[in-house]
């Protein structure tokens, strides 16, 4: 028997069993997420993700009302955390992404933000963001394998 095969759940120091549960059952996920949420809220207050007033969604529609691009993010303290920016491929290169980003940053400023943060990949748009004042502060190589993820930030005010 190999070492990996012999690594089943075993009582360890203190009587705890520490084992891989993949995938975890739904009850386990609820216990873990609520435990962390309760701890965090006891230190810093309610989770801003749970408050829909903290969400930002900027949408670009064509003349027929079809969504051709958009941006979603979250206001967390003094930060605009952009989760996604997408423009339909046929409409890229026309300034639509810049308009989405500018509108989100303007809304963030109205809401008292001083900074913006986002992540992008090498196959997405790191150059697009750097041309708009975002600077790299971290990078993750091989995330996923063969790709690089960039963490970018910008001072808004």
C-alpha atoms as a PDB file:
ATOM      1  CA  UNK A   1       0.000   0.000   0.000  1.00  0.00           C
ATOM      2  CA  UNK A   2       1.372   3.415  -0.933  1.00  0.00           C
ATOM      3  CA  UNK A   3       1.515   6.315   1.456  1.00  0.00           C
ATOM      4  CA  UNK A   4      -1.285   8.131  -0.418  1.00  0.00           C
ATOM      5  CA  UNK A   5      -3.564   5.089  -0.185  1.00  0.00           C
ATOM      6  CA  UNK A   6      -3.024   4.790   3.558  1.00  0.00           C
ATOM      7  CA  UNK A   7      -4.067   8.389   4.262  1.00  0.00           C
ATOM      8  CA  UNK A   8      -7.675   7.751   5.258  1.00  0.00           C
ATOM      9  CA  UNK A   9      -9.342   9.657   8.098  1.00  0.00           C
ATOM     10  CA  UNK A  10      -7.466   9.117  11.316  1.00  0.00           C
ATOM     11  CA  UNK A  11      -7.876  10.620  14.769  1.00  0.00           C
ATOM     12  CA  UNK A  12      -5.095  13.095  15.247  1.00  0.00           C
ATOM     13  CA  UNK A  13      -3.826  15.064  18.208  1.00  0.00           C
ATOM     14  CA  UNK A  14      -6.745  16.335  20.255  1.00  0.00           C
ATOM     15  CA  UNK A  15      -9.085  13.681  18.885  1.00  0.00           C
ATOM     16  CA  UNK A  16      -9.914  15.500  15.653  1.00  0.00           C
ATOM     17  CA  UNK A  17     -10.246  13.778  12.312  1.00  0.00           C
ATOM     18  CA  UNK A  18      -8.841  15.895   9.501  1.00  0.00           C
ATOM     19  CA  UNK A  19      -9.681  14.517   6.077  1.00  0.00           C
ATOM     20  CA  UNK A  20     -10.401  15.550   2.507  1.00  0.00           C
ATOM     21  CA  UNK A  21     -14.129  15.706   1.777  1.00  0.00           C
ATOM     22  CA  UNK A  22     -14.533  16.292  -1.907  1.00  0.00           C
ATOM     23  CA  UNK A  23     -17.130  17.439  -2.581  1.00  0.00           C
ATOM     24  CA  UNK A  24     -18.298  18.509   0.860  1.00  0.00           C
ATOM     25  CA  UNK A  25     -21.953  17.945   1.624  1.00  0.00           C
ATOM     26  CA  UNK A  26     -24.301  20.933   1.699  1.00  0.00           C
ATOM     27  CA  UNK A  27     -24.557  20.982   5.500  1.00  0.00           C
ATOM     28  CA  UNK A  28     -20.775  21.144   5.837  1.00  0.00           C
ATOM     29  CA  UNK A  29     -20.624  24.042   3.382  1.00  0.00           C
ATOM     30  CA  UNK A  30     -23.304  25.951   5.317  1.00  0.00           C
ATOM     31  CA  UNK A  31     -21.491  25.390   8.624  1.00  0.00           C
ATOM     32  CA  UNK A  32     -18.174  26.600   7.185  1.00  0.00           C
ATOM     33  CA  UNK A  33     -19.573  29.643   5.381  1.00  0.00           C
ATOM     34  CA  UNK A  34     -21.807  30.754   8.238  1.00  0.00           C
ATOM     35  CA  UNK A  35     -19.021  30.215  10.772  1.00  0.00           C
ATOM     36  CA  UNK A  36     -16.680  32.488   8.830  1.00  0.00           C
ATOM     37  CA  UNK A  37     -19.441  35.027   8.129  1.00  0.00           C
ATOM     38  CA  UNK A  38     -20.386  35.186  11.823  1.00  0.00           C
ATOM     39  CA  UNK A  39     -16.762  35.678  12.853  1.00  0.00           C
ATOM     40  CA  UNK A  40     -16.167  38.395  10.251  1.00  0.00           C
ATOM     41  CA  UNK A  41     -19.380  40.218  11.090  1.00  0.00           C
ATOM     42  CA  UNK A  42     -18.464  40.205  14.782  1.00  0.00           C
ATOM     43  CA  UNK A  43     -15.280  42.093  13.863  1.00  0.00           C
ATOM     44  CA  UNK A  44     -16.233  44.406  10.974  1.00  0.00           C
ATOM     45  CA  UNK A  45     -20.037  44.435  10.758  1.00  0.00           C
ATOM     46  CA  UNK A  46     -22.420  43.065   8.145  1.00  0.00           C
ATOM     47  CA  UNK A  47     -20.988  41.508   4.993  1.00  0.00           C
ATOM     48  CA  UNK A  48     -21.258  44.126   2.207  1.00  0.00           C
ATOM     49  CA  UNK A  49     -21.864  41.346  -0.340  1.00  0.00           C
ATOM     50  CA  UNK A  50     -25.206  40.587   1.306  1.00  0.00           C
ATOM     51  CA  UNK A  51     -26.444  44.169   0.934  1.00  0.00           C
ATOM     52  CA  UNK A  52     -27.735  44.751  -2.609  1.00  0.00           C
ATOM     53  CA  UNK A  53     -27.197  48.501  -2.187  1.00  0.00           C
ATOM     54  CA  UNK A  54     -23.449  47.825  -2.391  1.00  0.00           C
ATOM     55  CA  UNK A  55     -23.675  46.143  -5.789  1.00  0.00           C
ATOM     56  CA  UNK A  56     -22.937  47.947  -9.046  1.00  0.00           C
ATOM     57  CA  UNK A  57     -24.168  46.767 -12.426  1.00  0.00           C
ATOM     58  CA  UNK A  58     -23.486  48.960 -15.456  1.00  0.00           C
ATOM     59  CA  UNK A  59     -25.072  47.661 -18.665  1.00  0.00           C
ATOM     60  CA  UNK A  60     -24.520  48.585 -22.316  1.00  0.00           C
ATOM     61  CA  UNK A  61     -27.533  47.893 -24.531  1.00  0.00           C
ATOM     62  CA  UNK A  62     -27.945  48.412 -28.260  1.00  0.00           C
ATOM     63  CA  UNK A  63     -30.845  50.313 -29.848  1.00  0.00           C
ATOM     64  CA  UNK A  64     -32.990  47.167 -29.644  1.00  0.00           C
ATOM     65  CA  UNK A  65     -32.354  46.795 -25.920  1.00  0.00           C
ATOM     66  CA  UNK A  66     -30.042  43.785 -26.210  1.00  0.00           C
ATOM     67  CA  UNK A  67     -27.205  43.553 -23.710  1.00  0.00           C
ATOM     68  CA  UNK A  68     -23.907  43.993 -25.555  1.00  0.00           C
ATOM     69  CA  UNK A  69     -21.667  44.480 -22.536  1.00  0.00           C
ATOM     70  CA  UNK A  70     -21.572  45.171 -18.867  1.00  0.00           C
ATOM     71  CA  UNK A  71     -19.704  45.519 -15.628  1.00  0.00           C
ATOM     72  CA  UNK A  72     -20.525  44.119 -12.204  1.00  0.00           C
ATOM     73  CA  UNK A  73     -18.857  45.042  -8.975  1.00  0.00           C
ATOM     74  CA  UNK A  74     -19.225  45.718  -5.306  1.00  0.00           C
ATOM     75  CA  UNK A  75     -18.549  48.657  -3.022  1.00  0.00           C
ATOM     76  CA  UNK A  76     -16.578  47.522   0.025  1.00  0.00           C
ATOM     77  CA  UNK A  77     -15.534  50.367   2.295  1.00  0.00           C
ATOM     78  CA  UNK A  78     -13.401  52.770   0.276  1.00  0.00           C
ATOM     79  CA  UNK A  79     -13.045  50.282  -2.596  1.00  0.00           C
ATOM     80  CA  UNK A  80     -14.788  49.481  -5.844  1.00  0.00           C
ATOM     81  CA  UNK A  81     -14.183  45.762  -6.369  1.00  0.00           C
ATOM     82  CA  UNK A  82     -14.948  44.995 -10.014  1.00  0.00           C
ATOM     83  CA  UNK A  83     -15.942  41.369 -10.494  1.00  0.00           C
ATOM     84  CA  UNK A  84     -16.433  41.315 -14.247  1.00  0.00           C
ATOM     85  CA  UNK A  85     -16.256  43.445 -17.348  1.00  0.00           C
ATOM     86  CA  UNK A  86     -17.504  41.987 -20.597  1.00  0.00           C
ATOM     87  CA  UNK A  87     -18.171  43.375 -24.072  1.00  0.00           C
ATOM     88  CA  UNK A  88     -19.565  41.218 -26.858  1.00  0.00           C
ATOM     89  CA  UNK A  89     -16.769  40.468 -29.294  1.00  0.00           C
ATOM     90  CA  UNK A  90     -18.354  42.281 -32.275  1.00  0.00           C
ATOM     91  CA  UNK A  91     -18.539  45.485 -30.227  1.00  0.00           C
ATOM     92  CA  UNK A  92     -15.008  45.547 -28.827  1.00  0.00           C
ATOM     93  CA  UNK A  93     -12.590  48.278 -29.839  1.00  0.00           C
ATOM     94  CA  UNK A  94     -15.323  50.926 -29.963  1.00  0.00           C
ATOM     95  CA  UNK A  95     -14.749  52.434 -26.520  1.00  0.00           C
ATOM     96  CA  UNK A  96     -17.597  50.554 -24.876  1.00  0.00           C
ATOM     97  CA  UNK A  97     -15.375  48.908 -22.249  1.00  0.00           C
ATOM     98  CA  UNK A  98     -13.861  52.276 -21.395  1.00  0.00           C
ATOM     99  CA  UNK A  99     -17.326  53.790 -20.980  1.00  0.00           C
ATOM    100  CA  UNK A 100     -18.436  50.943 -18.709  1.00  0.00           C
ATOM    101  CA  UNK A 101     -15.350  51.298 -16.542  1.00  0.00           C
ATOM    102  CA  UNK A 102     -15.603  55.093 -16.396  1.00  0.00           C
ATOM    103  CA  UNK A 103     -19.263  54.927 -15.357  1.00  0.00           C
ATOM    104  CA  UNK A 104     -18.495  52.398 -12.614  1.00  0.00           C
ATOM    105  CA  UNK A 105     -15.609  54.510 -11.321  1.00  0.00           C
ATOM    106  CA  UNK A 106     -17.800  57.643 -11.356  1.00  0.00           C
ATOM    107  CA  UNK A 107     -20.495  55.815  -9.382  1.00  0.00           C
ATOM    108  CA  UNK A 108     -17.869  54.539  -6.950  1.00  0.00           C
ATOM    109  CA  UNK A 109     -16.643  58.102  -6.396  1.00  0.00           C
ATOM    110  CA  UNK A 110     -20.231  59.248  -5.781  1.00  0.00           C
ATOM    111  CA  UNK A 111     -20.454  56.521  -3.141  1.00  0.00           C
ATOM    112  CA  UNK A 112     -17.259  57.671  -1.433  1.00  0.00           C
ATOM    113  CA  UNK A 113     -14.732  55.211  -2.853  1.00  0.00           C
ATOM    114  CA  UNK A 114     -11.074  56.158  -3.115  1.00  0.00           C
ATOM    115  CA  UNK A 115      -9.710  53.040  -4.796  1.00  0.00           C
ATOM    116  CA  UNK A 116     -10.610  50.357  -7.328  1.00  0.00           C
ATOM    117  CA  UNK A 117      -9.466  46.756  -7.526  1.00  0.00           C
ATOM    118  CA  UNK A 118      -9.949  43.984 -10.084  1.00  0.00           C
ATOM    119  CA  UNK A 119      -8.408  40.826 -11.468  1.00  0.00           C
ATOM    120  CA  UNK A 120      -7.793  39.947 -15.096  1.00  0.00           C
ATOM    121  CA  UNK A 121      -5.933  37.232 -16.996  1.00  0.00           C
ATOM    122  CA  UNK A 122      -3.236  37.421 -19.640  1.00  0.00           C
ATOM    123  CA  UNK A 123      -5.763  36.180 -22.238  1.00  0.00           C
ATOM    124  CA  UNK A 124      -8.199  38.937 -21.245  1.00  0.00           C
ATOM    125  CA  UNK A 125      -7.290  42.613 -20.927  1.00  0.00           C
ATOM    126  CA  UNK A 126      -4.370  43.610 -18.676  1.00  0.00           C
ATOM    127  CA  UNK A 127      -3.268  46.228 -21.223  1.00  0.00           C
ATOM    128  CA  UNK A 128      -6.773  47.697 -21.406  1.00  0.00           C
ATOM    129  CA  UNK A 129      -6.746  48.322 -17.657  1.00  0.00           C
ATOM    130  CA  UNK A 130      -3.181  49.640 -17.516  1.00  0.00           C
ATOM    131  CA  UNK A 131      -4.059  52.232 -20.173  1.00  0.00           C
ATOM    132  CA  UNK A 132      -6.829  53.383 -17.825  1.00  0.00           C
ATOM    133  CA  UNK A 133      -4.567  53.890 -14.821  1.00  0.00           C
ATOM    134  CA  UNK A 134      -4.670  50.479 -13.174  1.00  0.00           C
ATOM    135  CA  UNK A 135      -1.371  49.135 -11.852  1.00  0.00           C
ATOM    136  CA  UNK A 136      -0.374  45.579 -11.128  1.00  0.00           C
ATOM    137  CA  UNK A 137       0.255  44.749  -7.491  1.00  0.00           C
ATOM    138  CA  UNK A 138       0.268  40.950  -7.691  1.00  0.00           C
ATOM    139  CA  UNK A 139       0.412  38.195 -10.249  1.00  0.00           C
ATOM    140  CA  UNK A 140      -0.293  34.499 -10.095  1.00  0.00           C
ATOM    141  CA  UNK A 141       1.522  32.324 -12.630  1.00  0.00           C
ATOM    142  CA  UNK A 142      -0.126  29.080 -13.777  1.00  0.00           C
ATOM    143  CA  UNK A 143      -3.542  30.082 -12.456  1.00  0.00           C
ATOM    144  CA  UNK A 144      -4.867  28.038 -14.214  1.00  0.00           C
ATOM    145  CA  UNK A 145      -1.976  26.119 -15.755  1.00  0.00           C
ATOM    146  CA  UNK A 146      -0.448  28.105 -18.603  1.00  0.00           C
ATOM    147  CA  UNK A 147      -2.253  31.325 -17.682  1.00  0.00           C
ATOM    148  CA  UNK A 148      -1.395  34.310 -15.536  1.00  0.00           C
ATOM    149  CA  UNK A 149      -3.842  36.166 -13.326  1.00  0.00           C
ATOM    150  CA  UNK A 150      -3.093  39.822 -12.593  1.00  0.00           C
ATOM    151  CA  UNK A 151      -4.366  41.730  -9.561  1.00  0.00           C
ATOM    152  CA  UNK A 152      -4.724  45.417 -10.440  1.00  0.00           C
ATOM    153  CA  UNK A 153      -5.601  48.535  -8.460  1.00  0.00           C
ATOM    154  CA  UNK A 154      -6.222  52.199  -9.141  1.00  0.00           C
ATOM    155  CA  UNK A 155      -6.494  55.301  -6.988  1.00  0.00           C
ATOM    156  CA  UNK A 156      -9.775  57.032  -7.827  1.00  0.00           C
ATOM    157  CA  UNK A 157      -9.534  60.109  -5.623  1.00  0.00           C
END
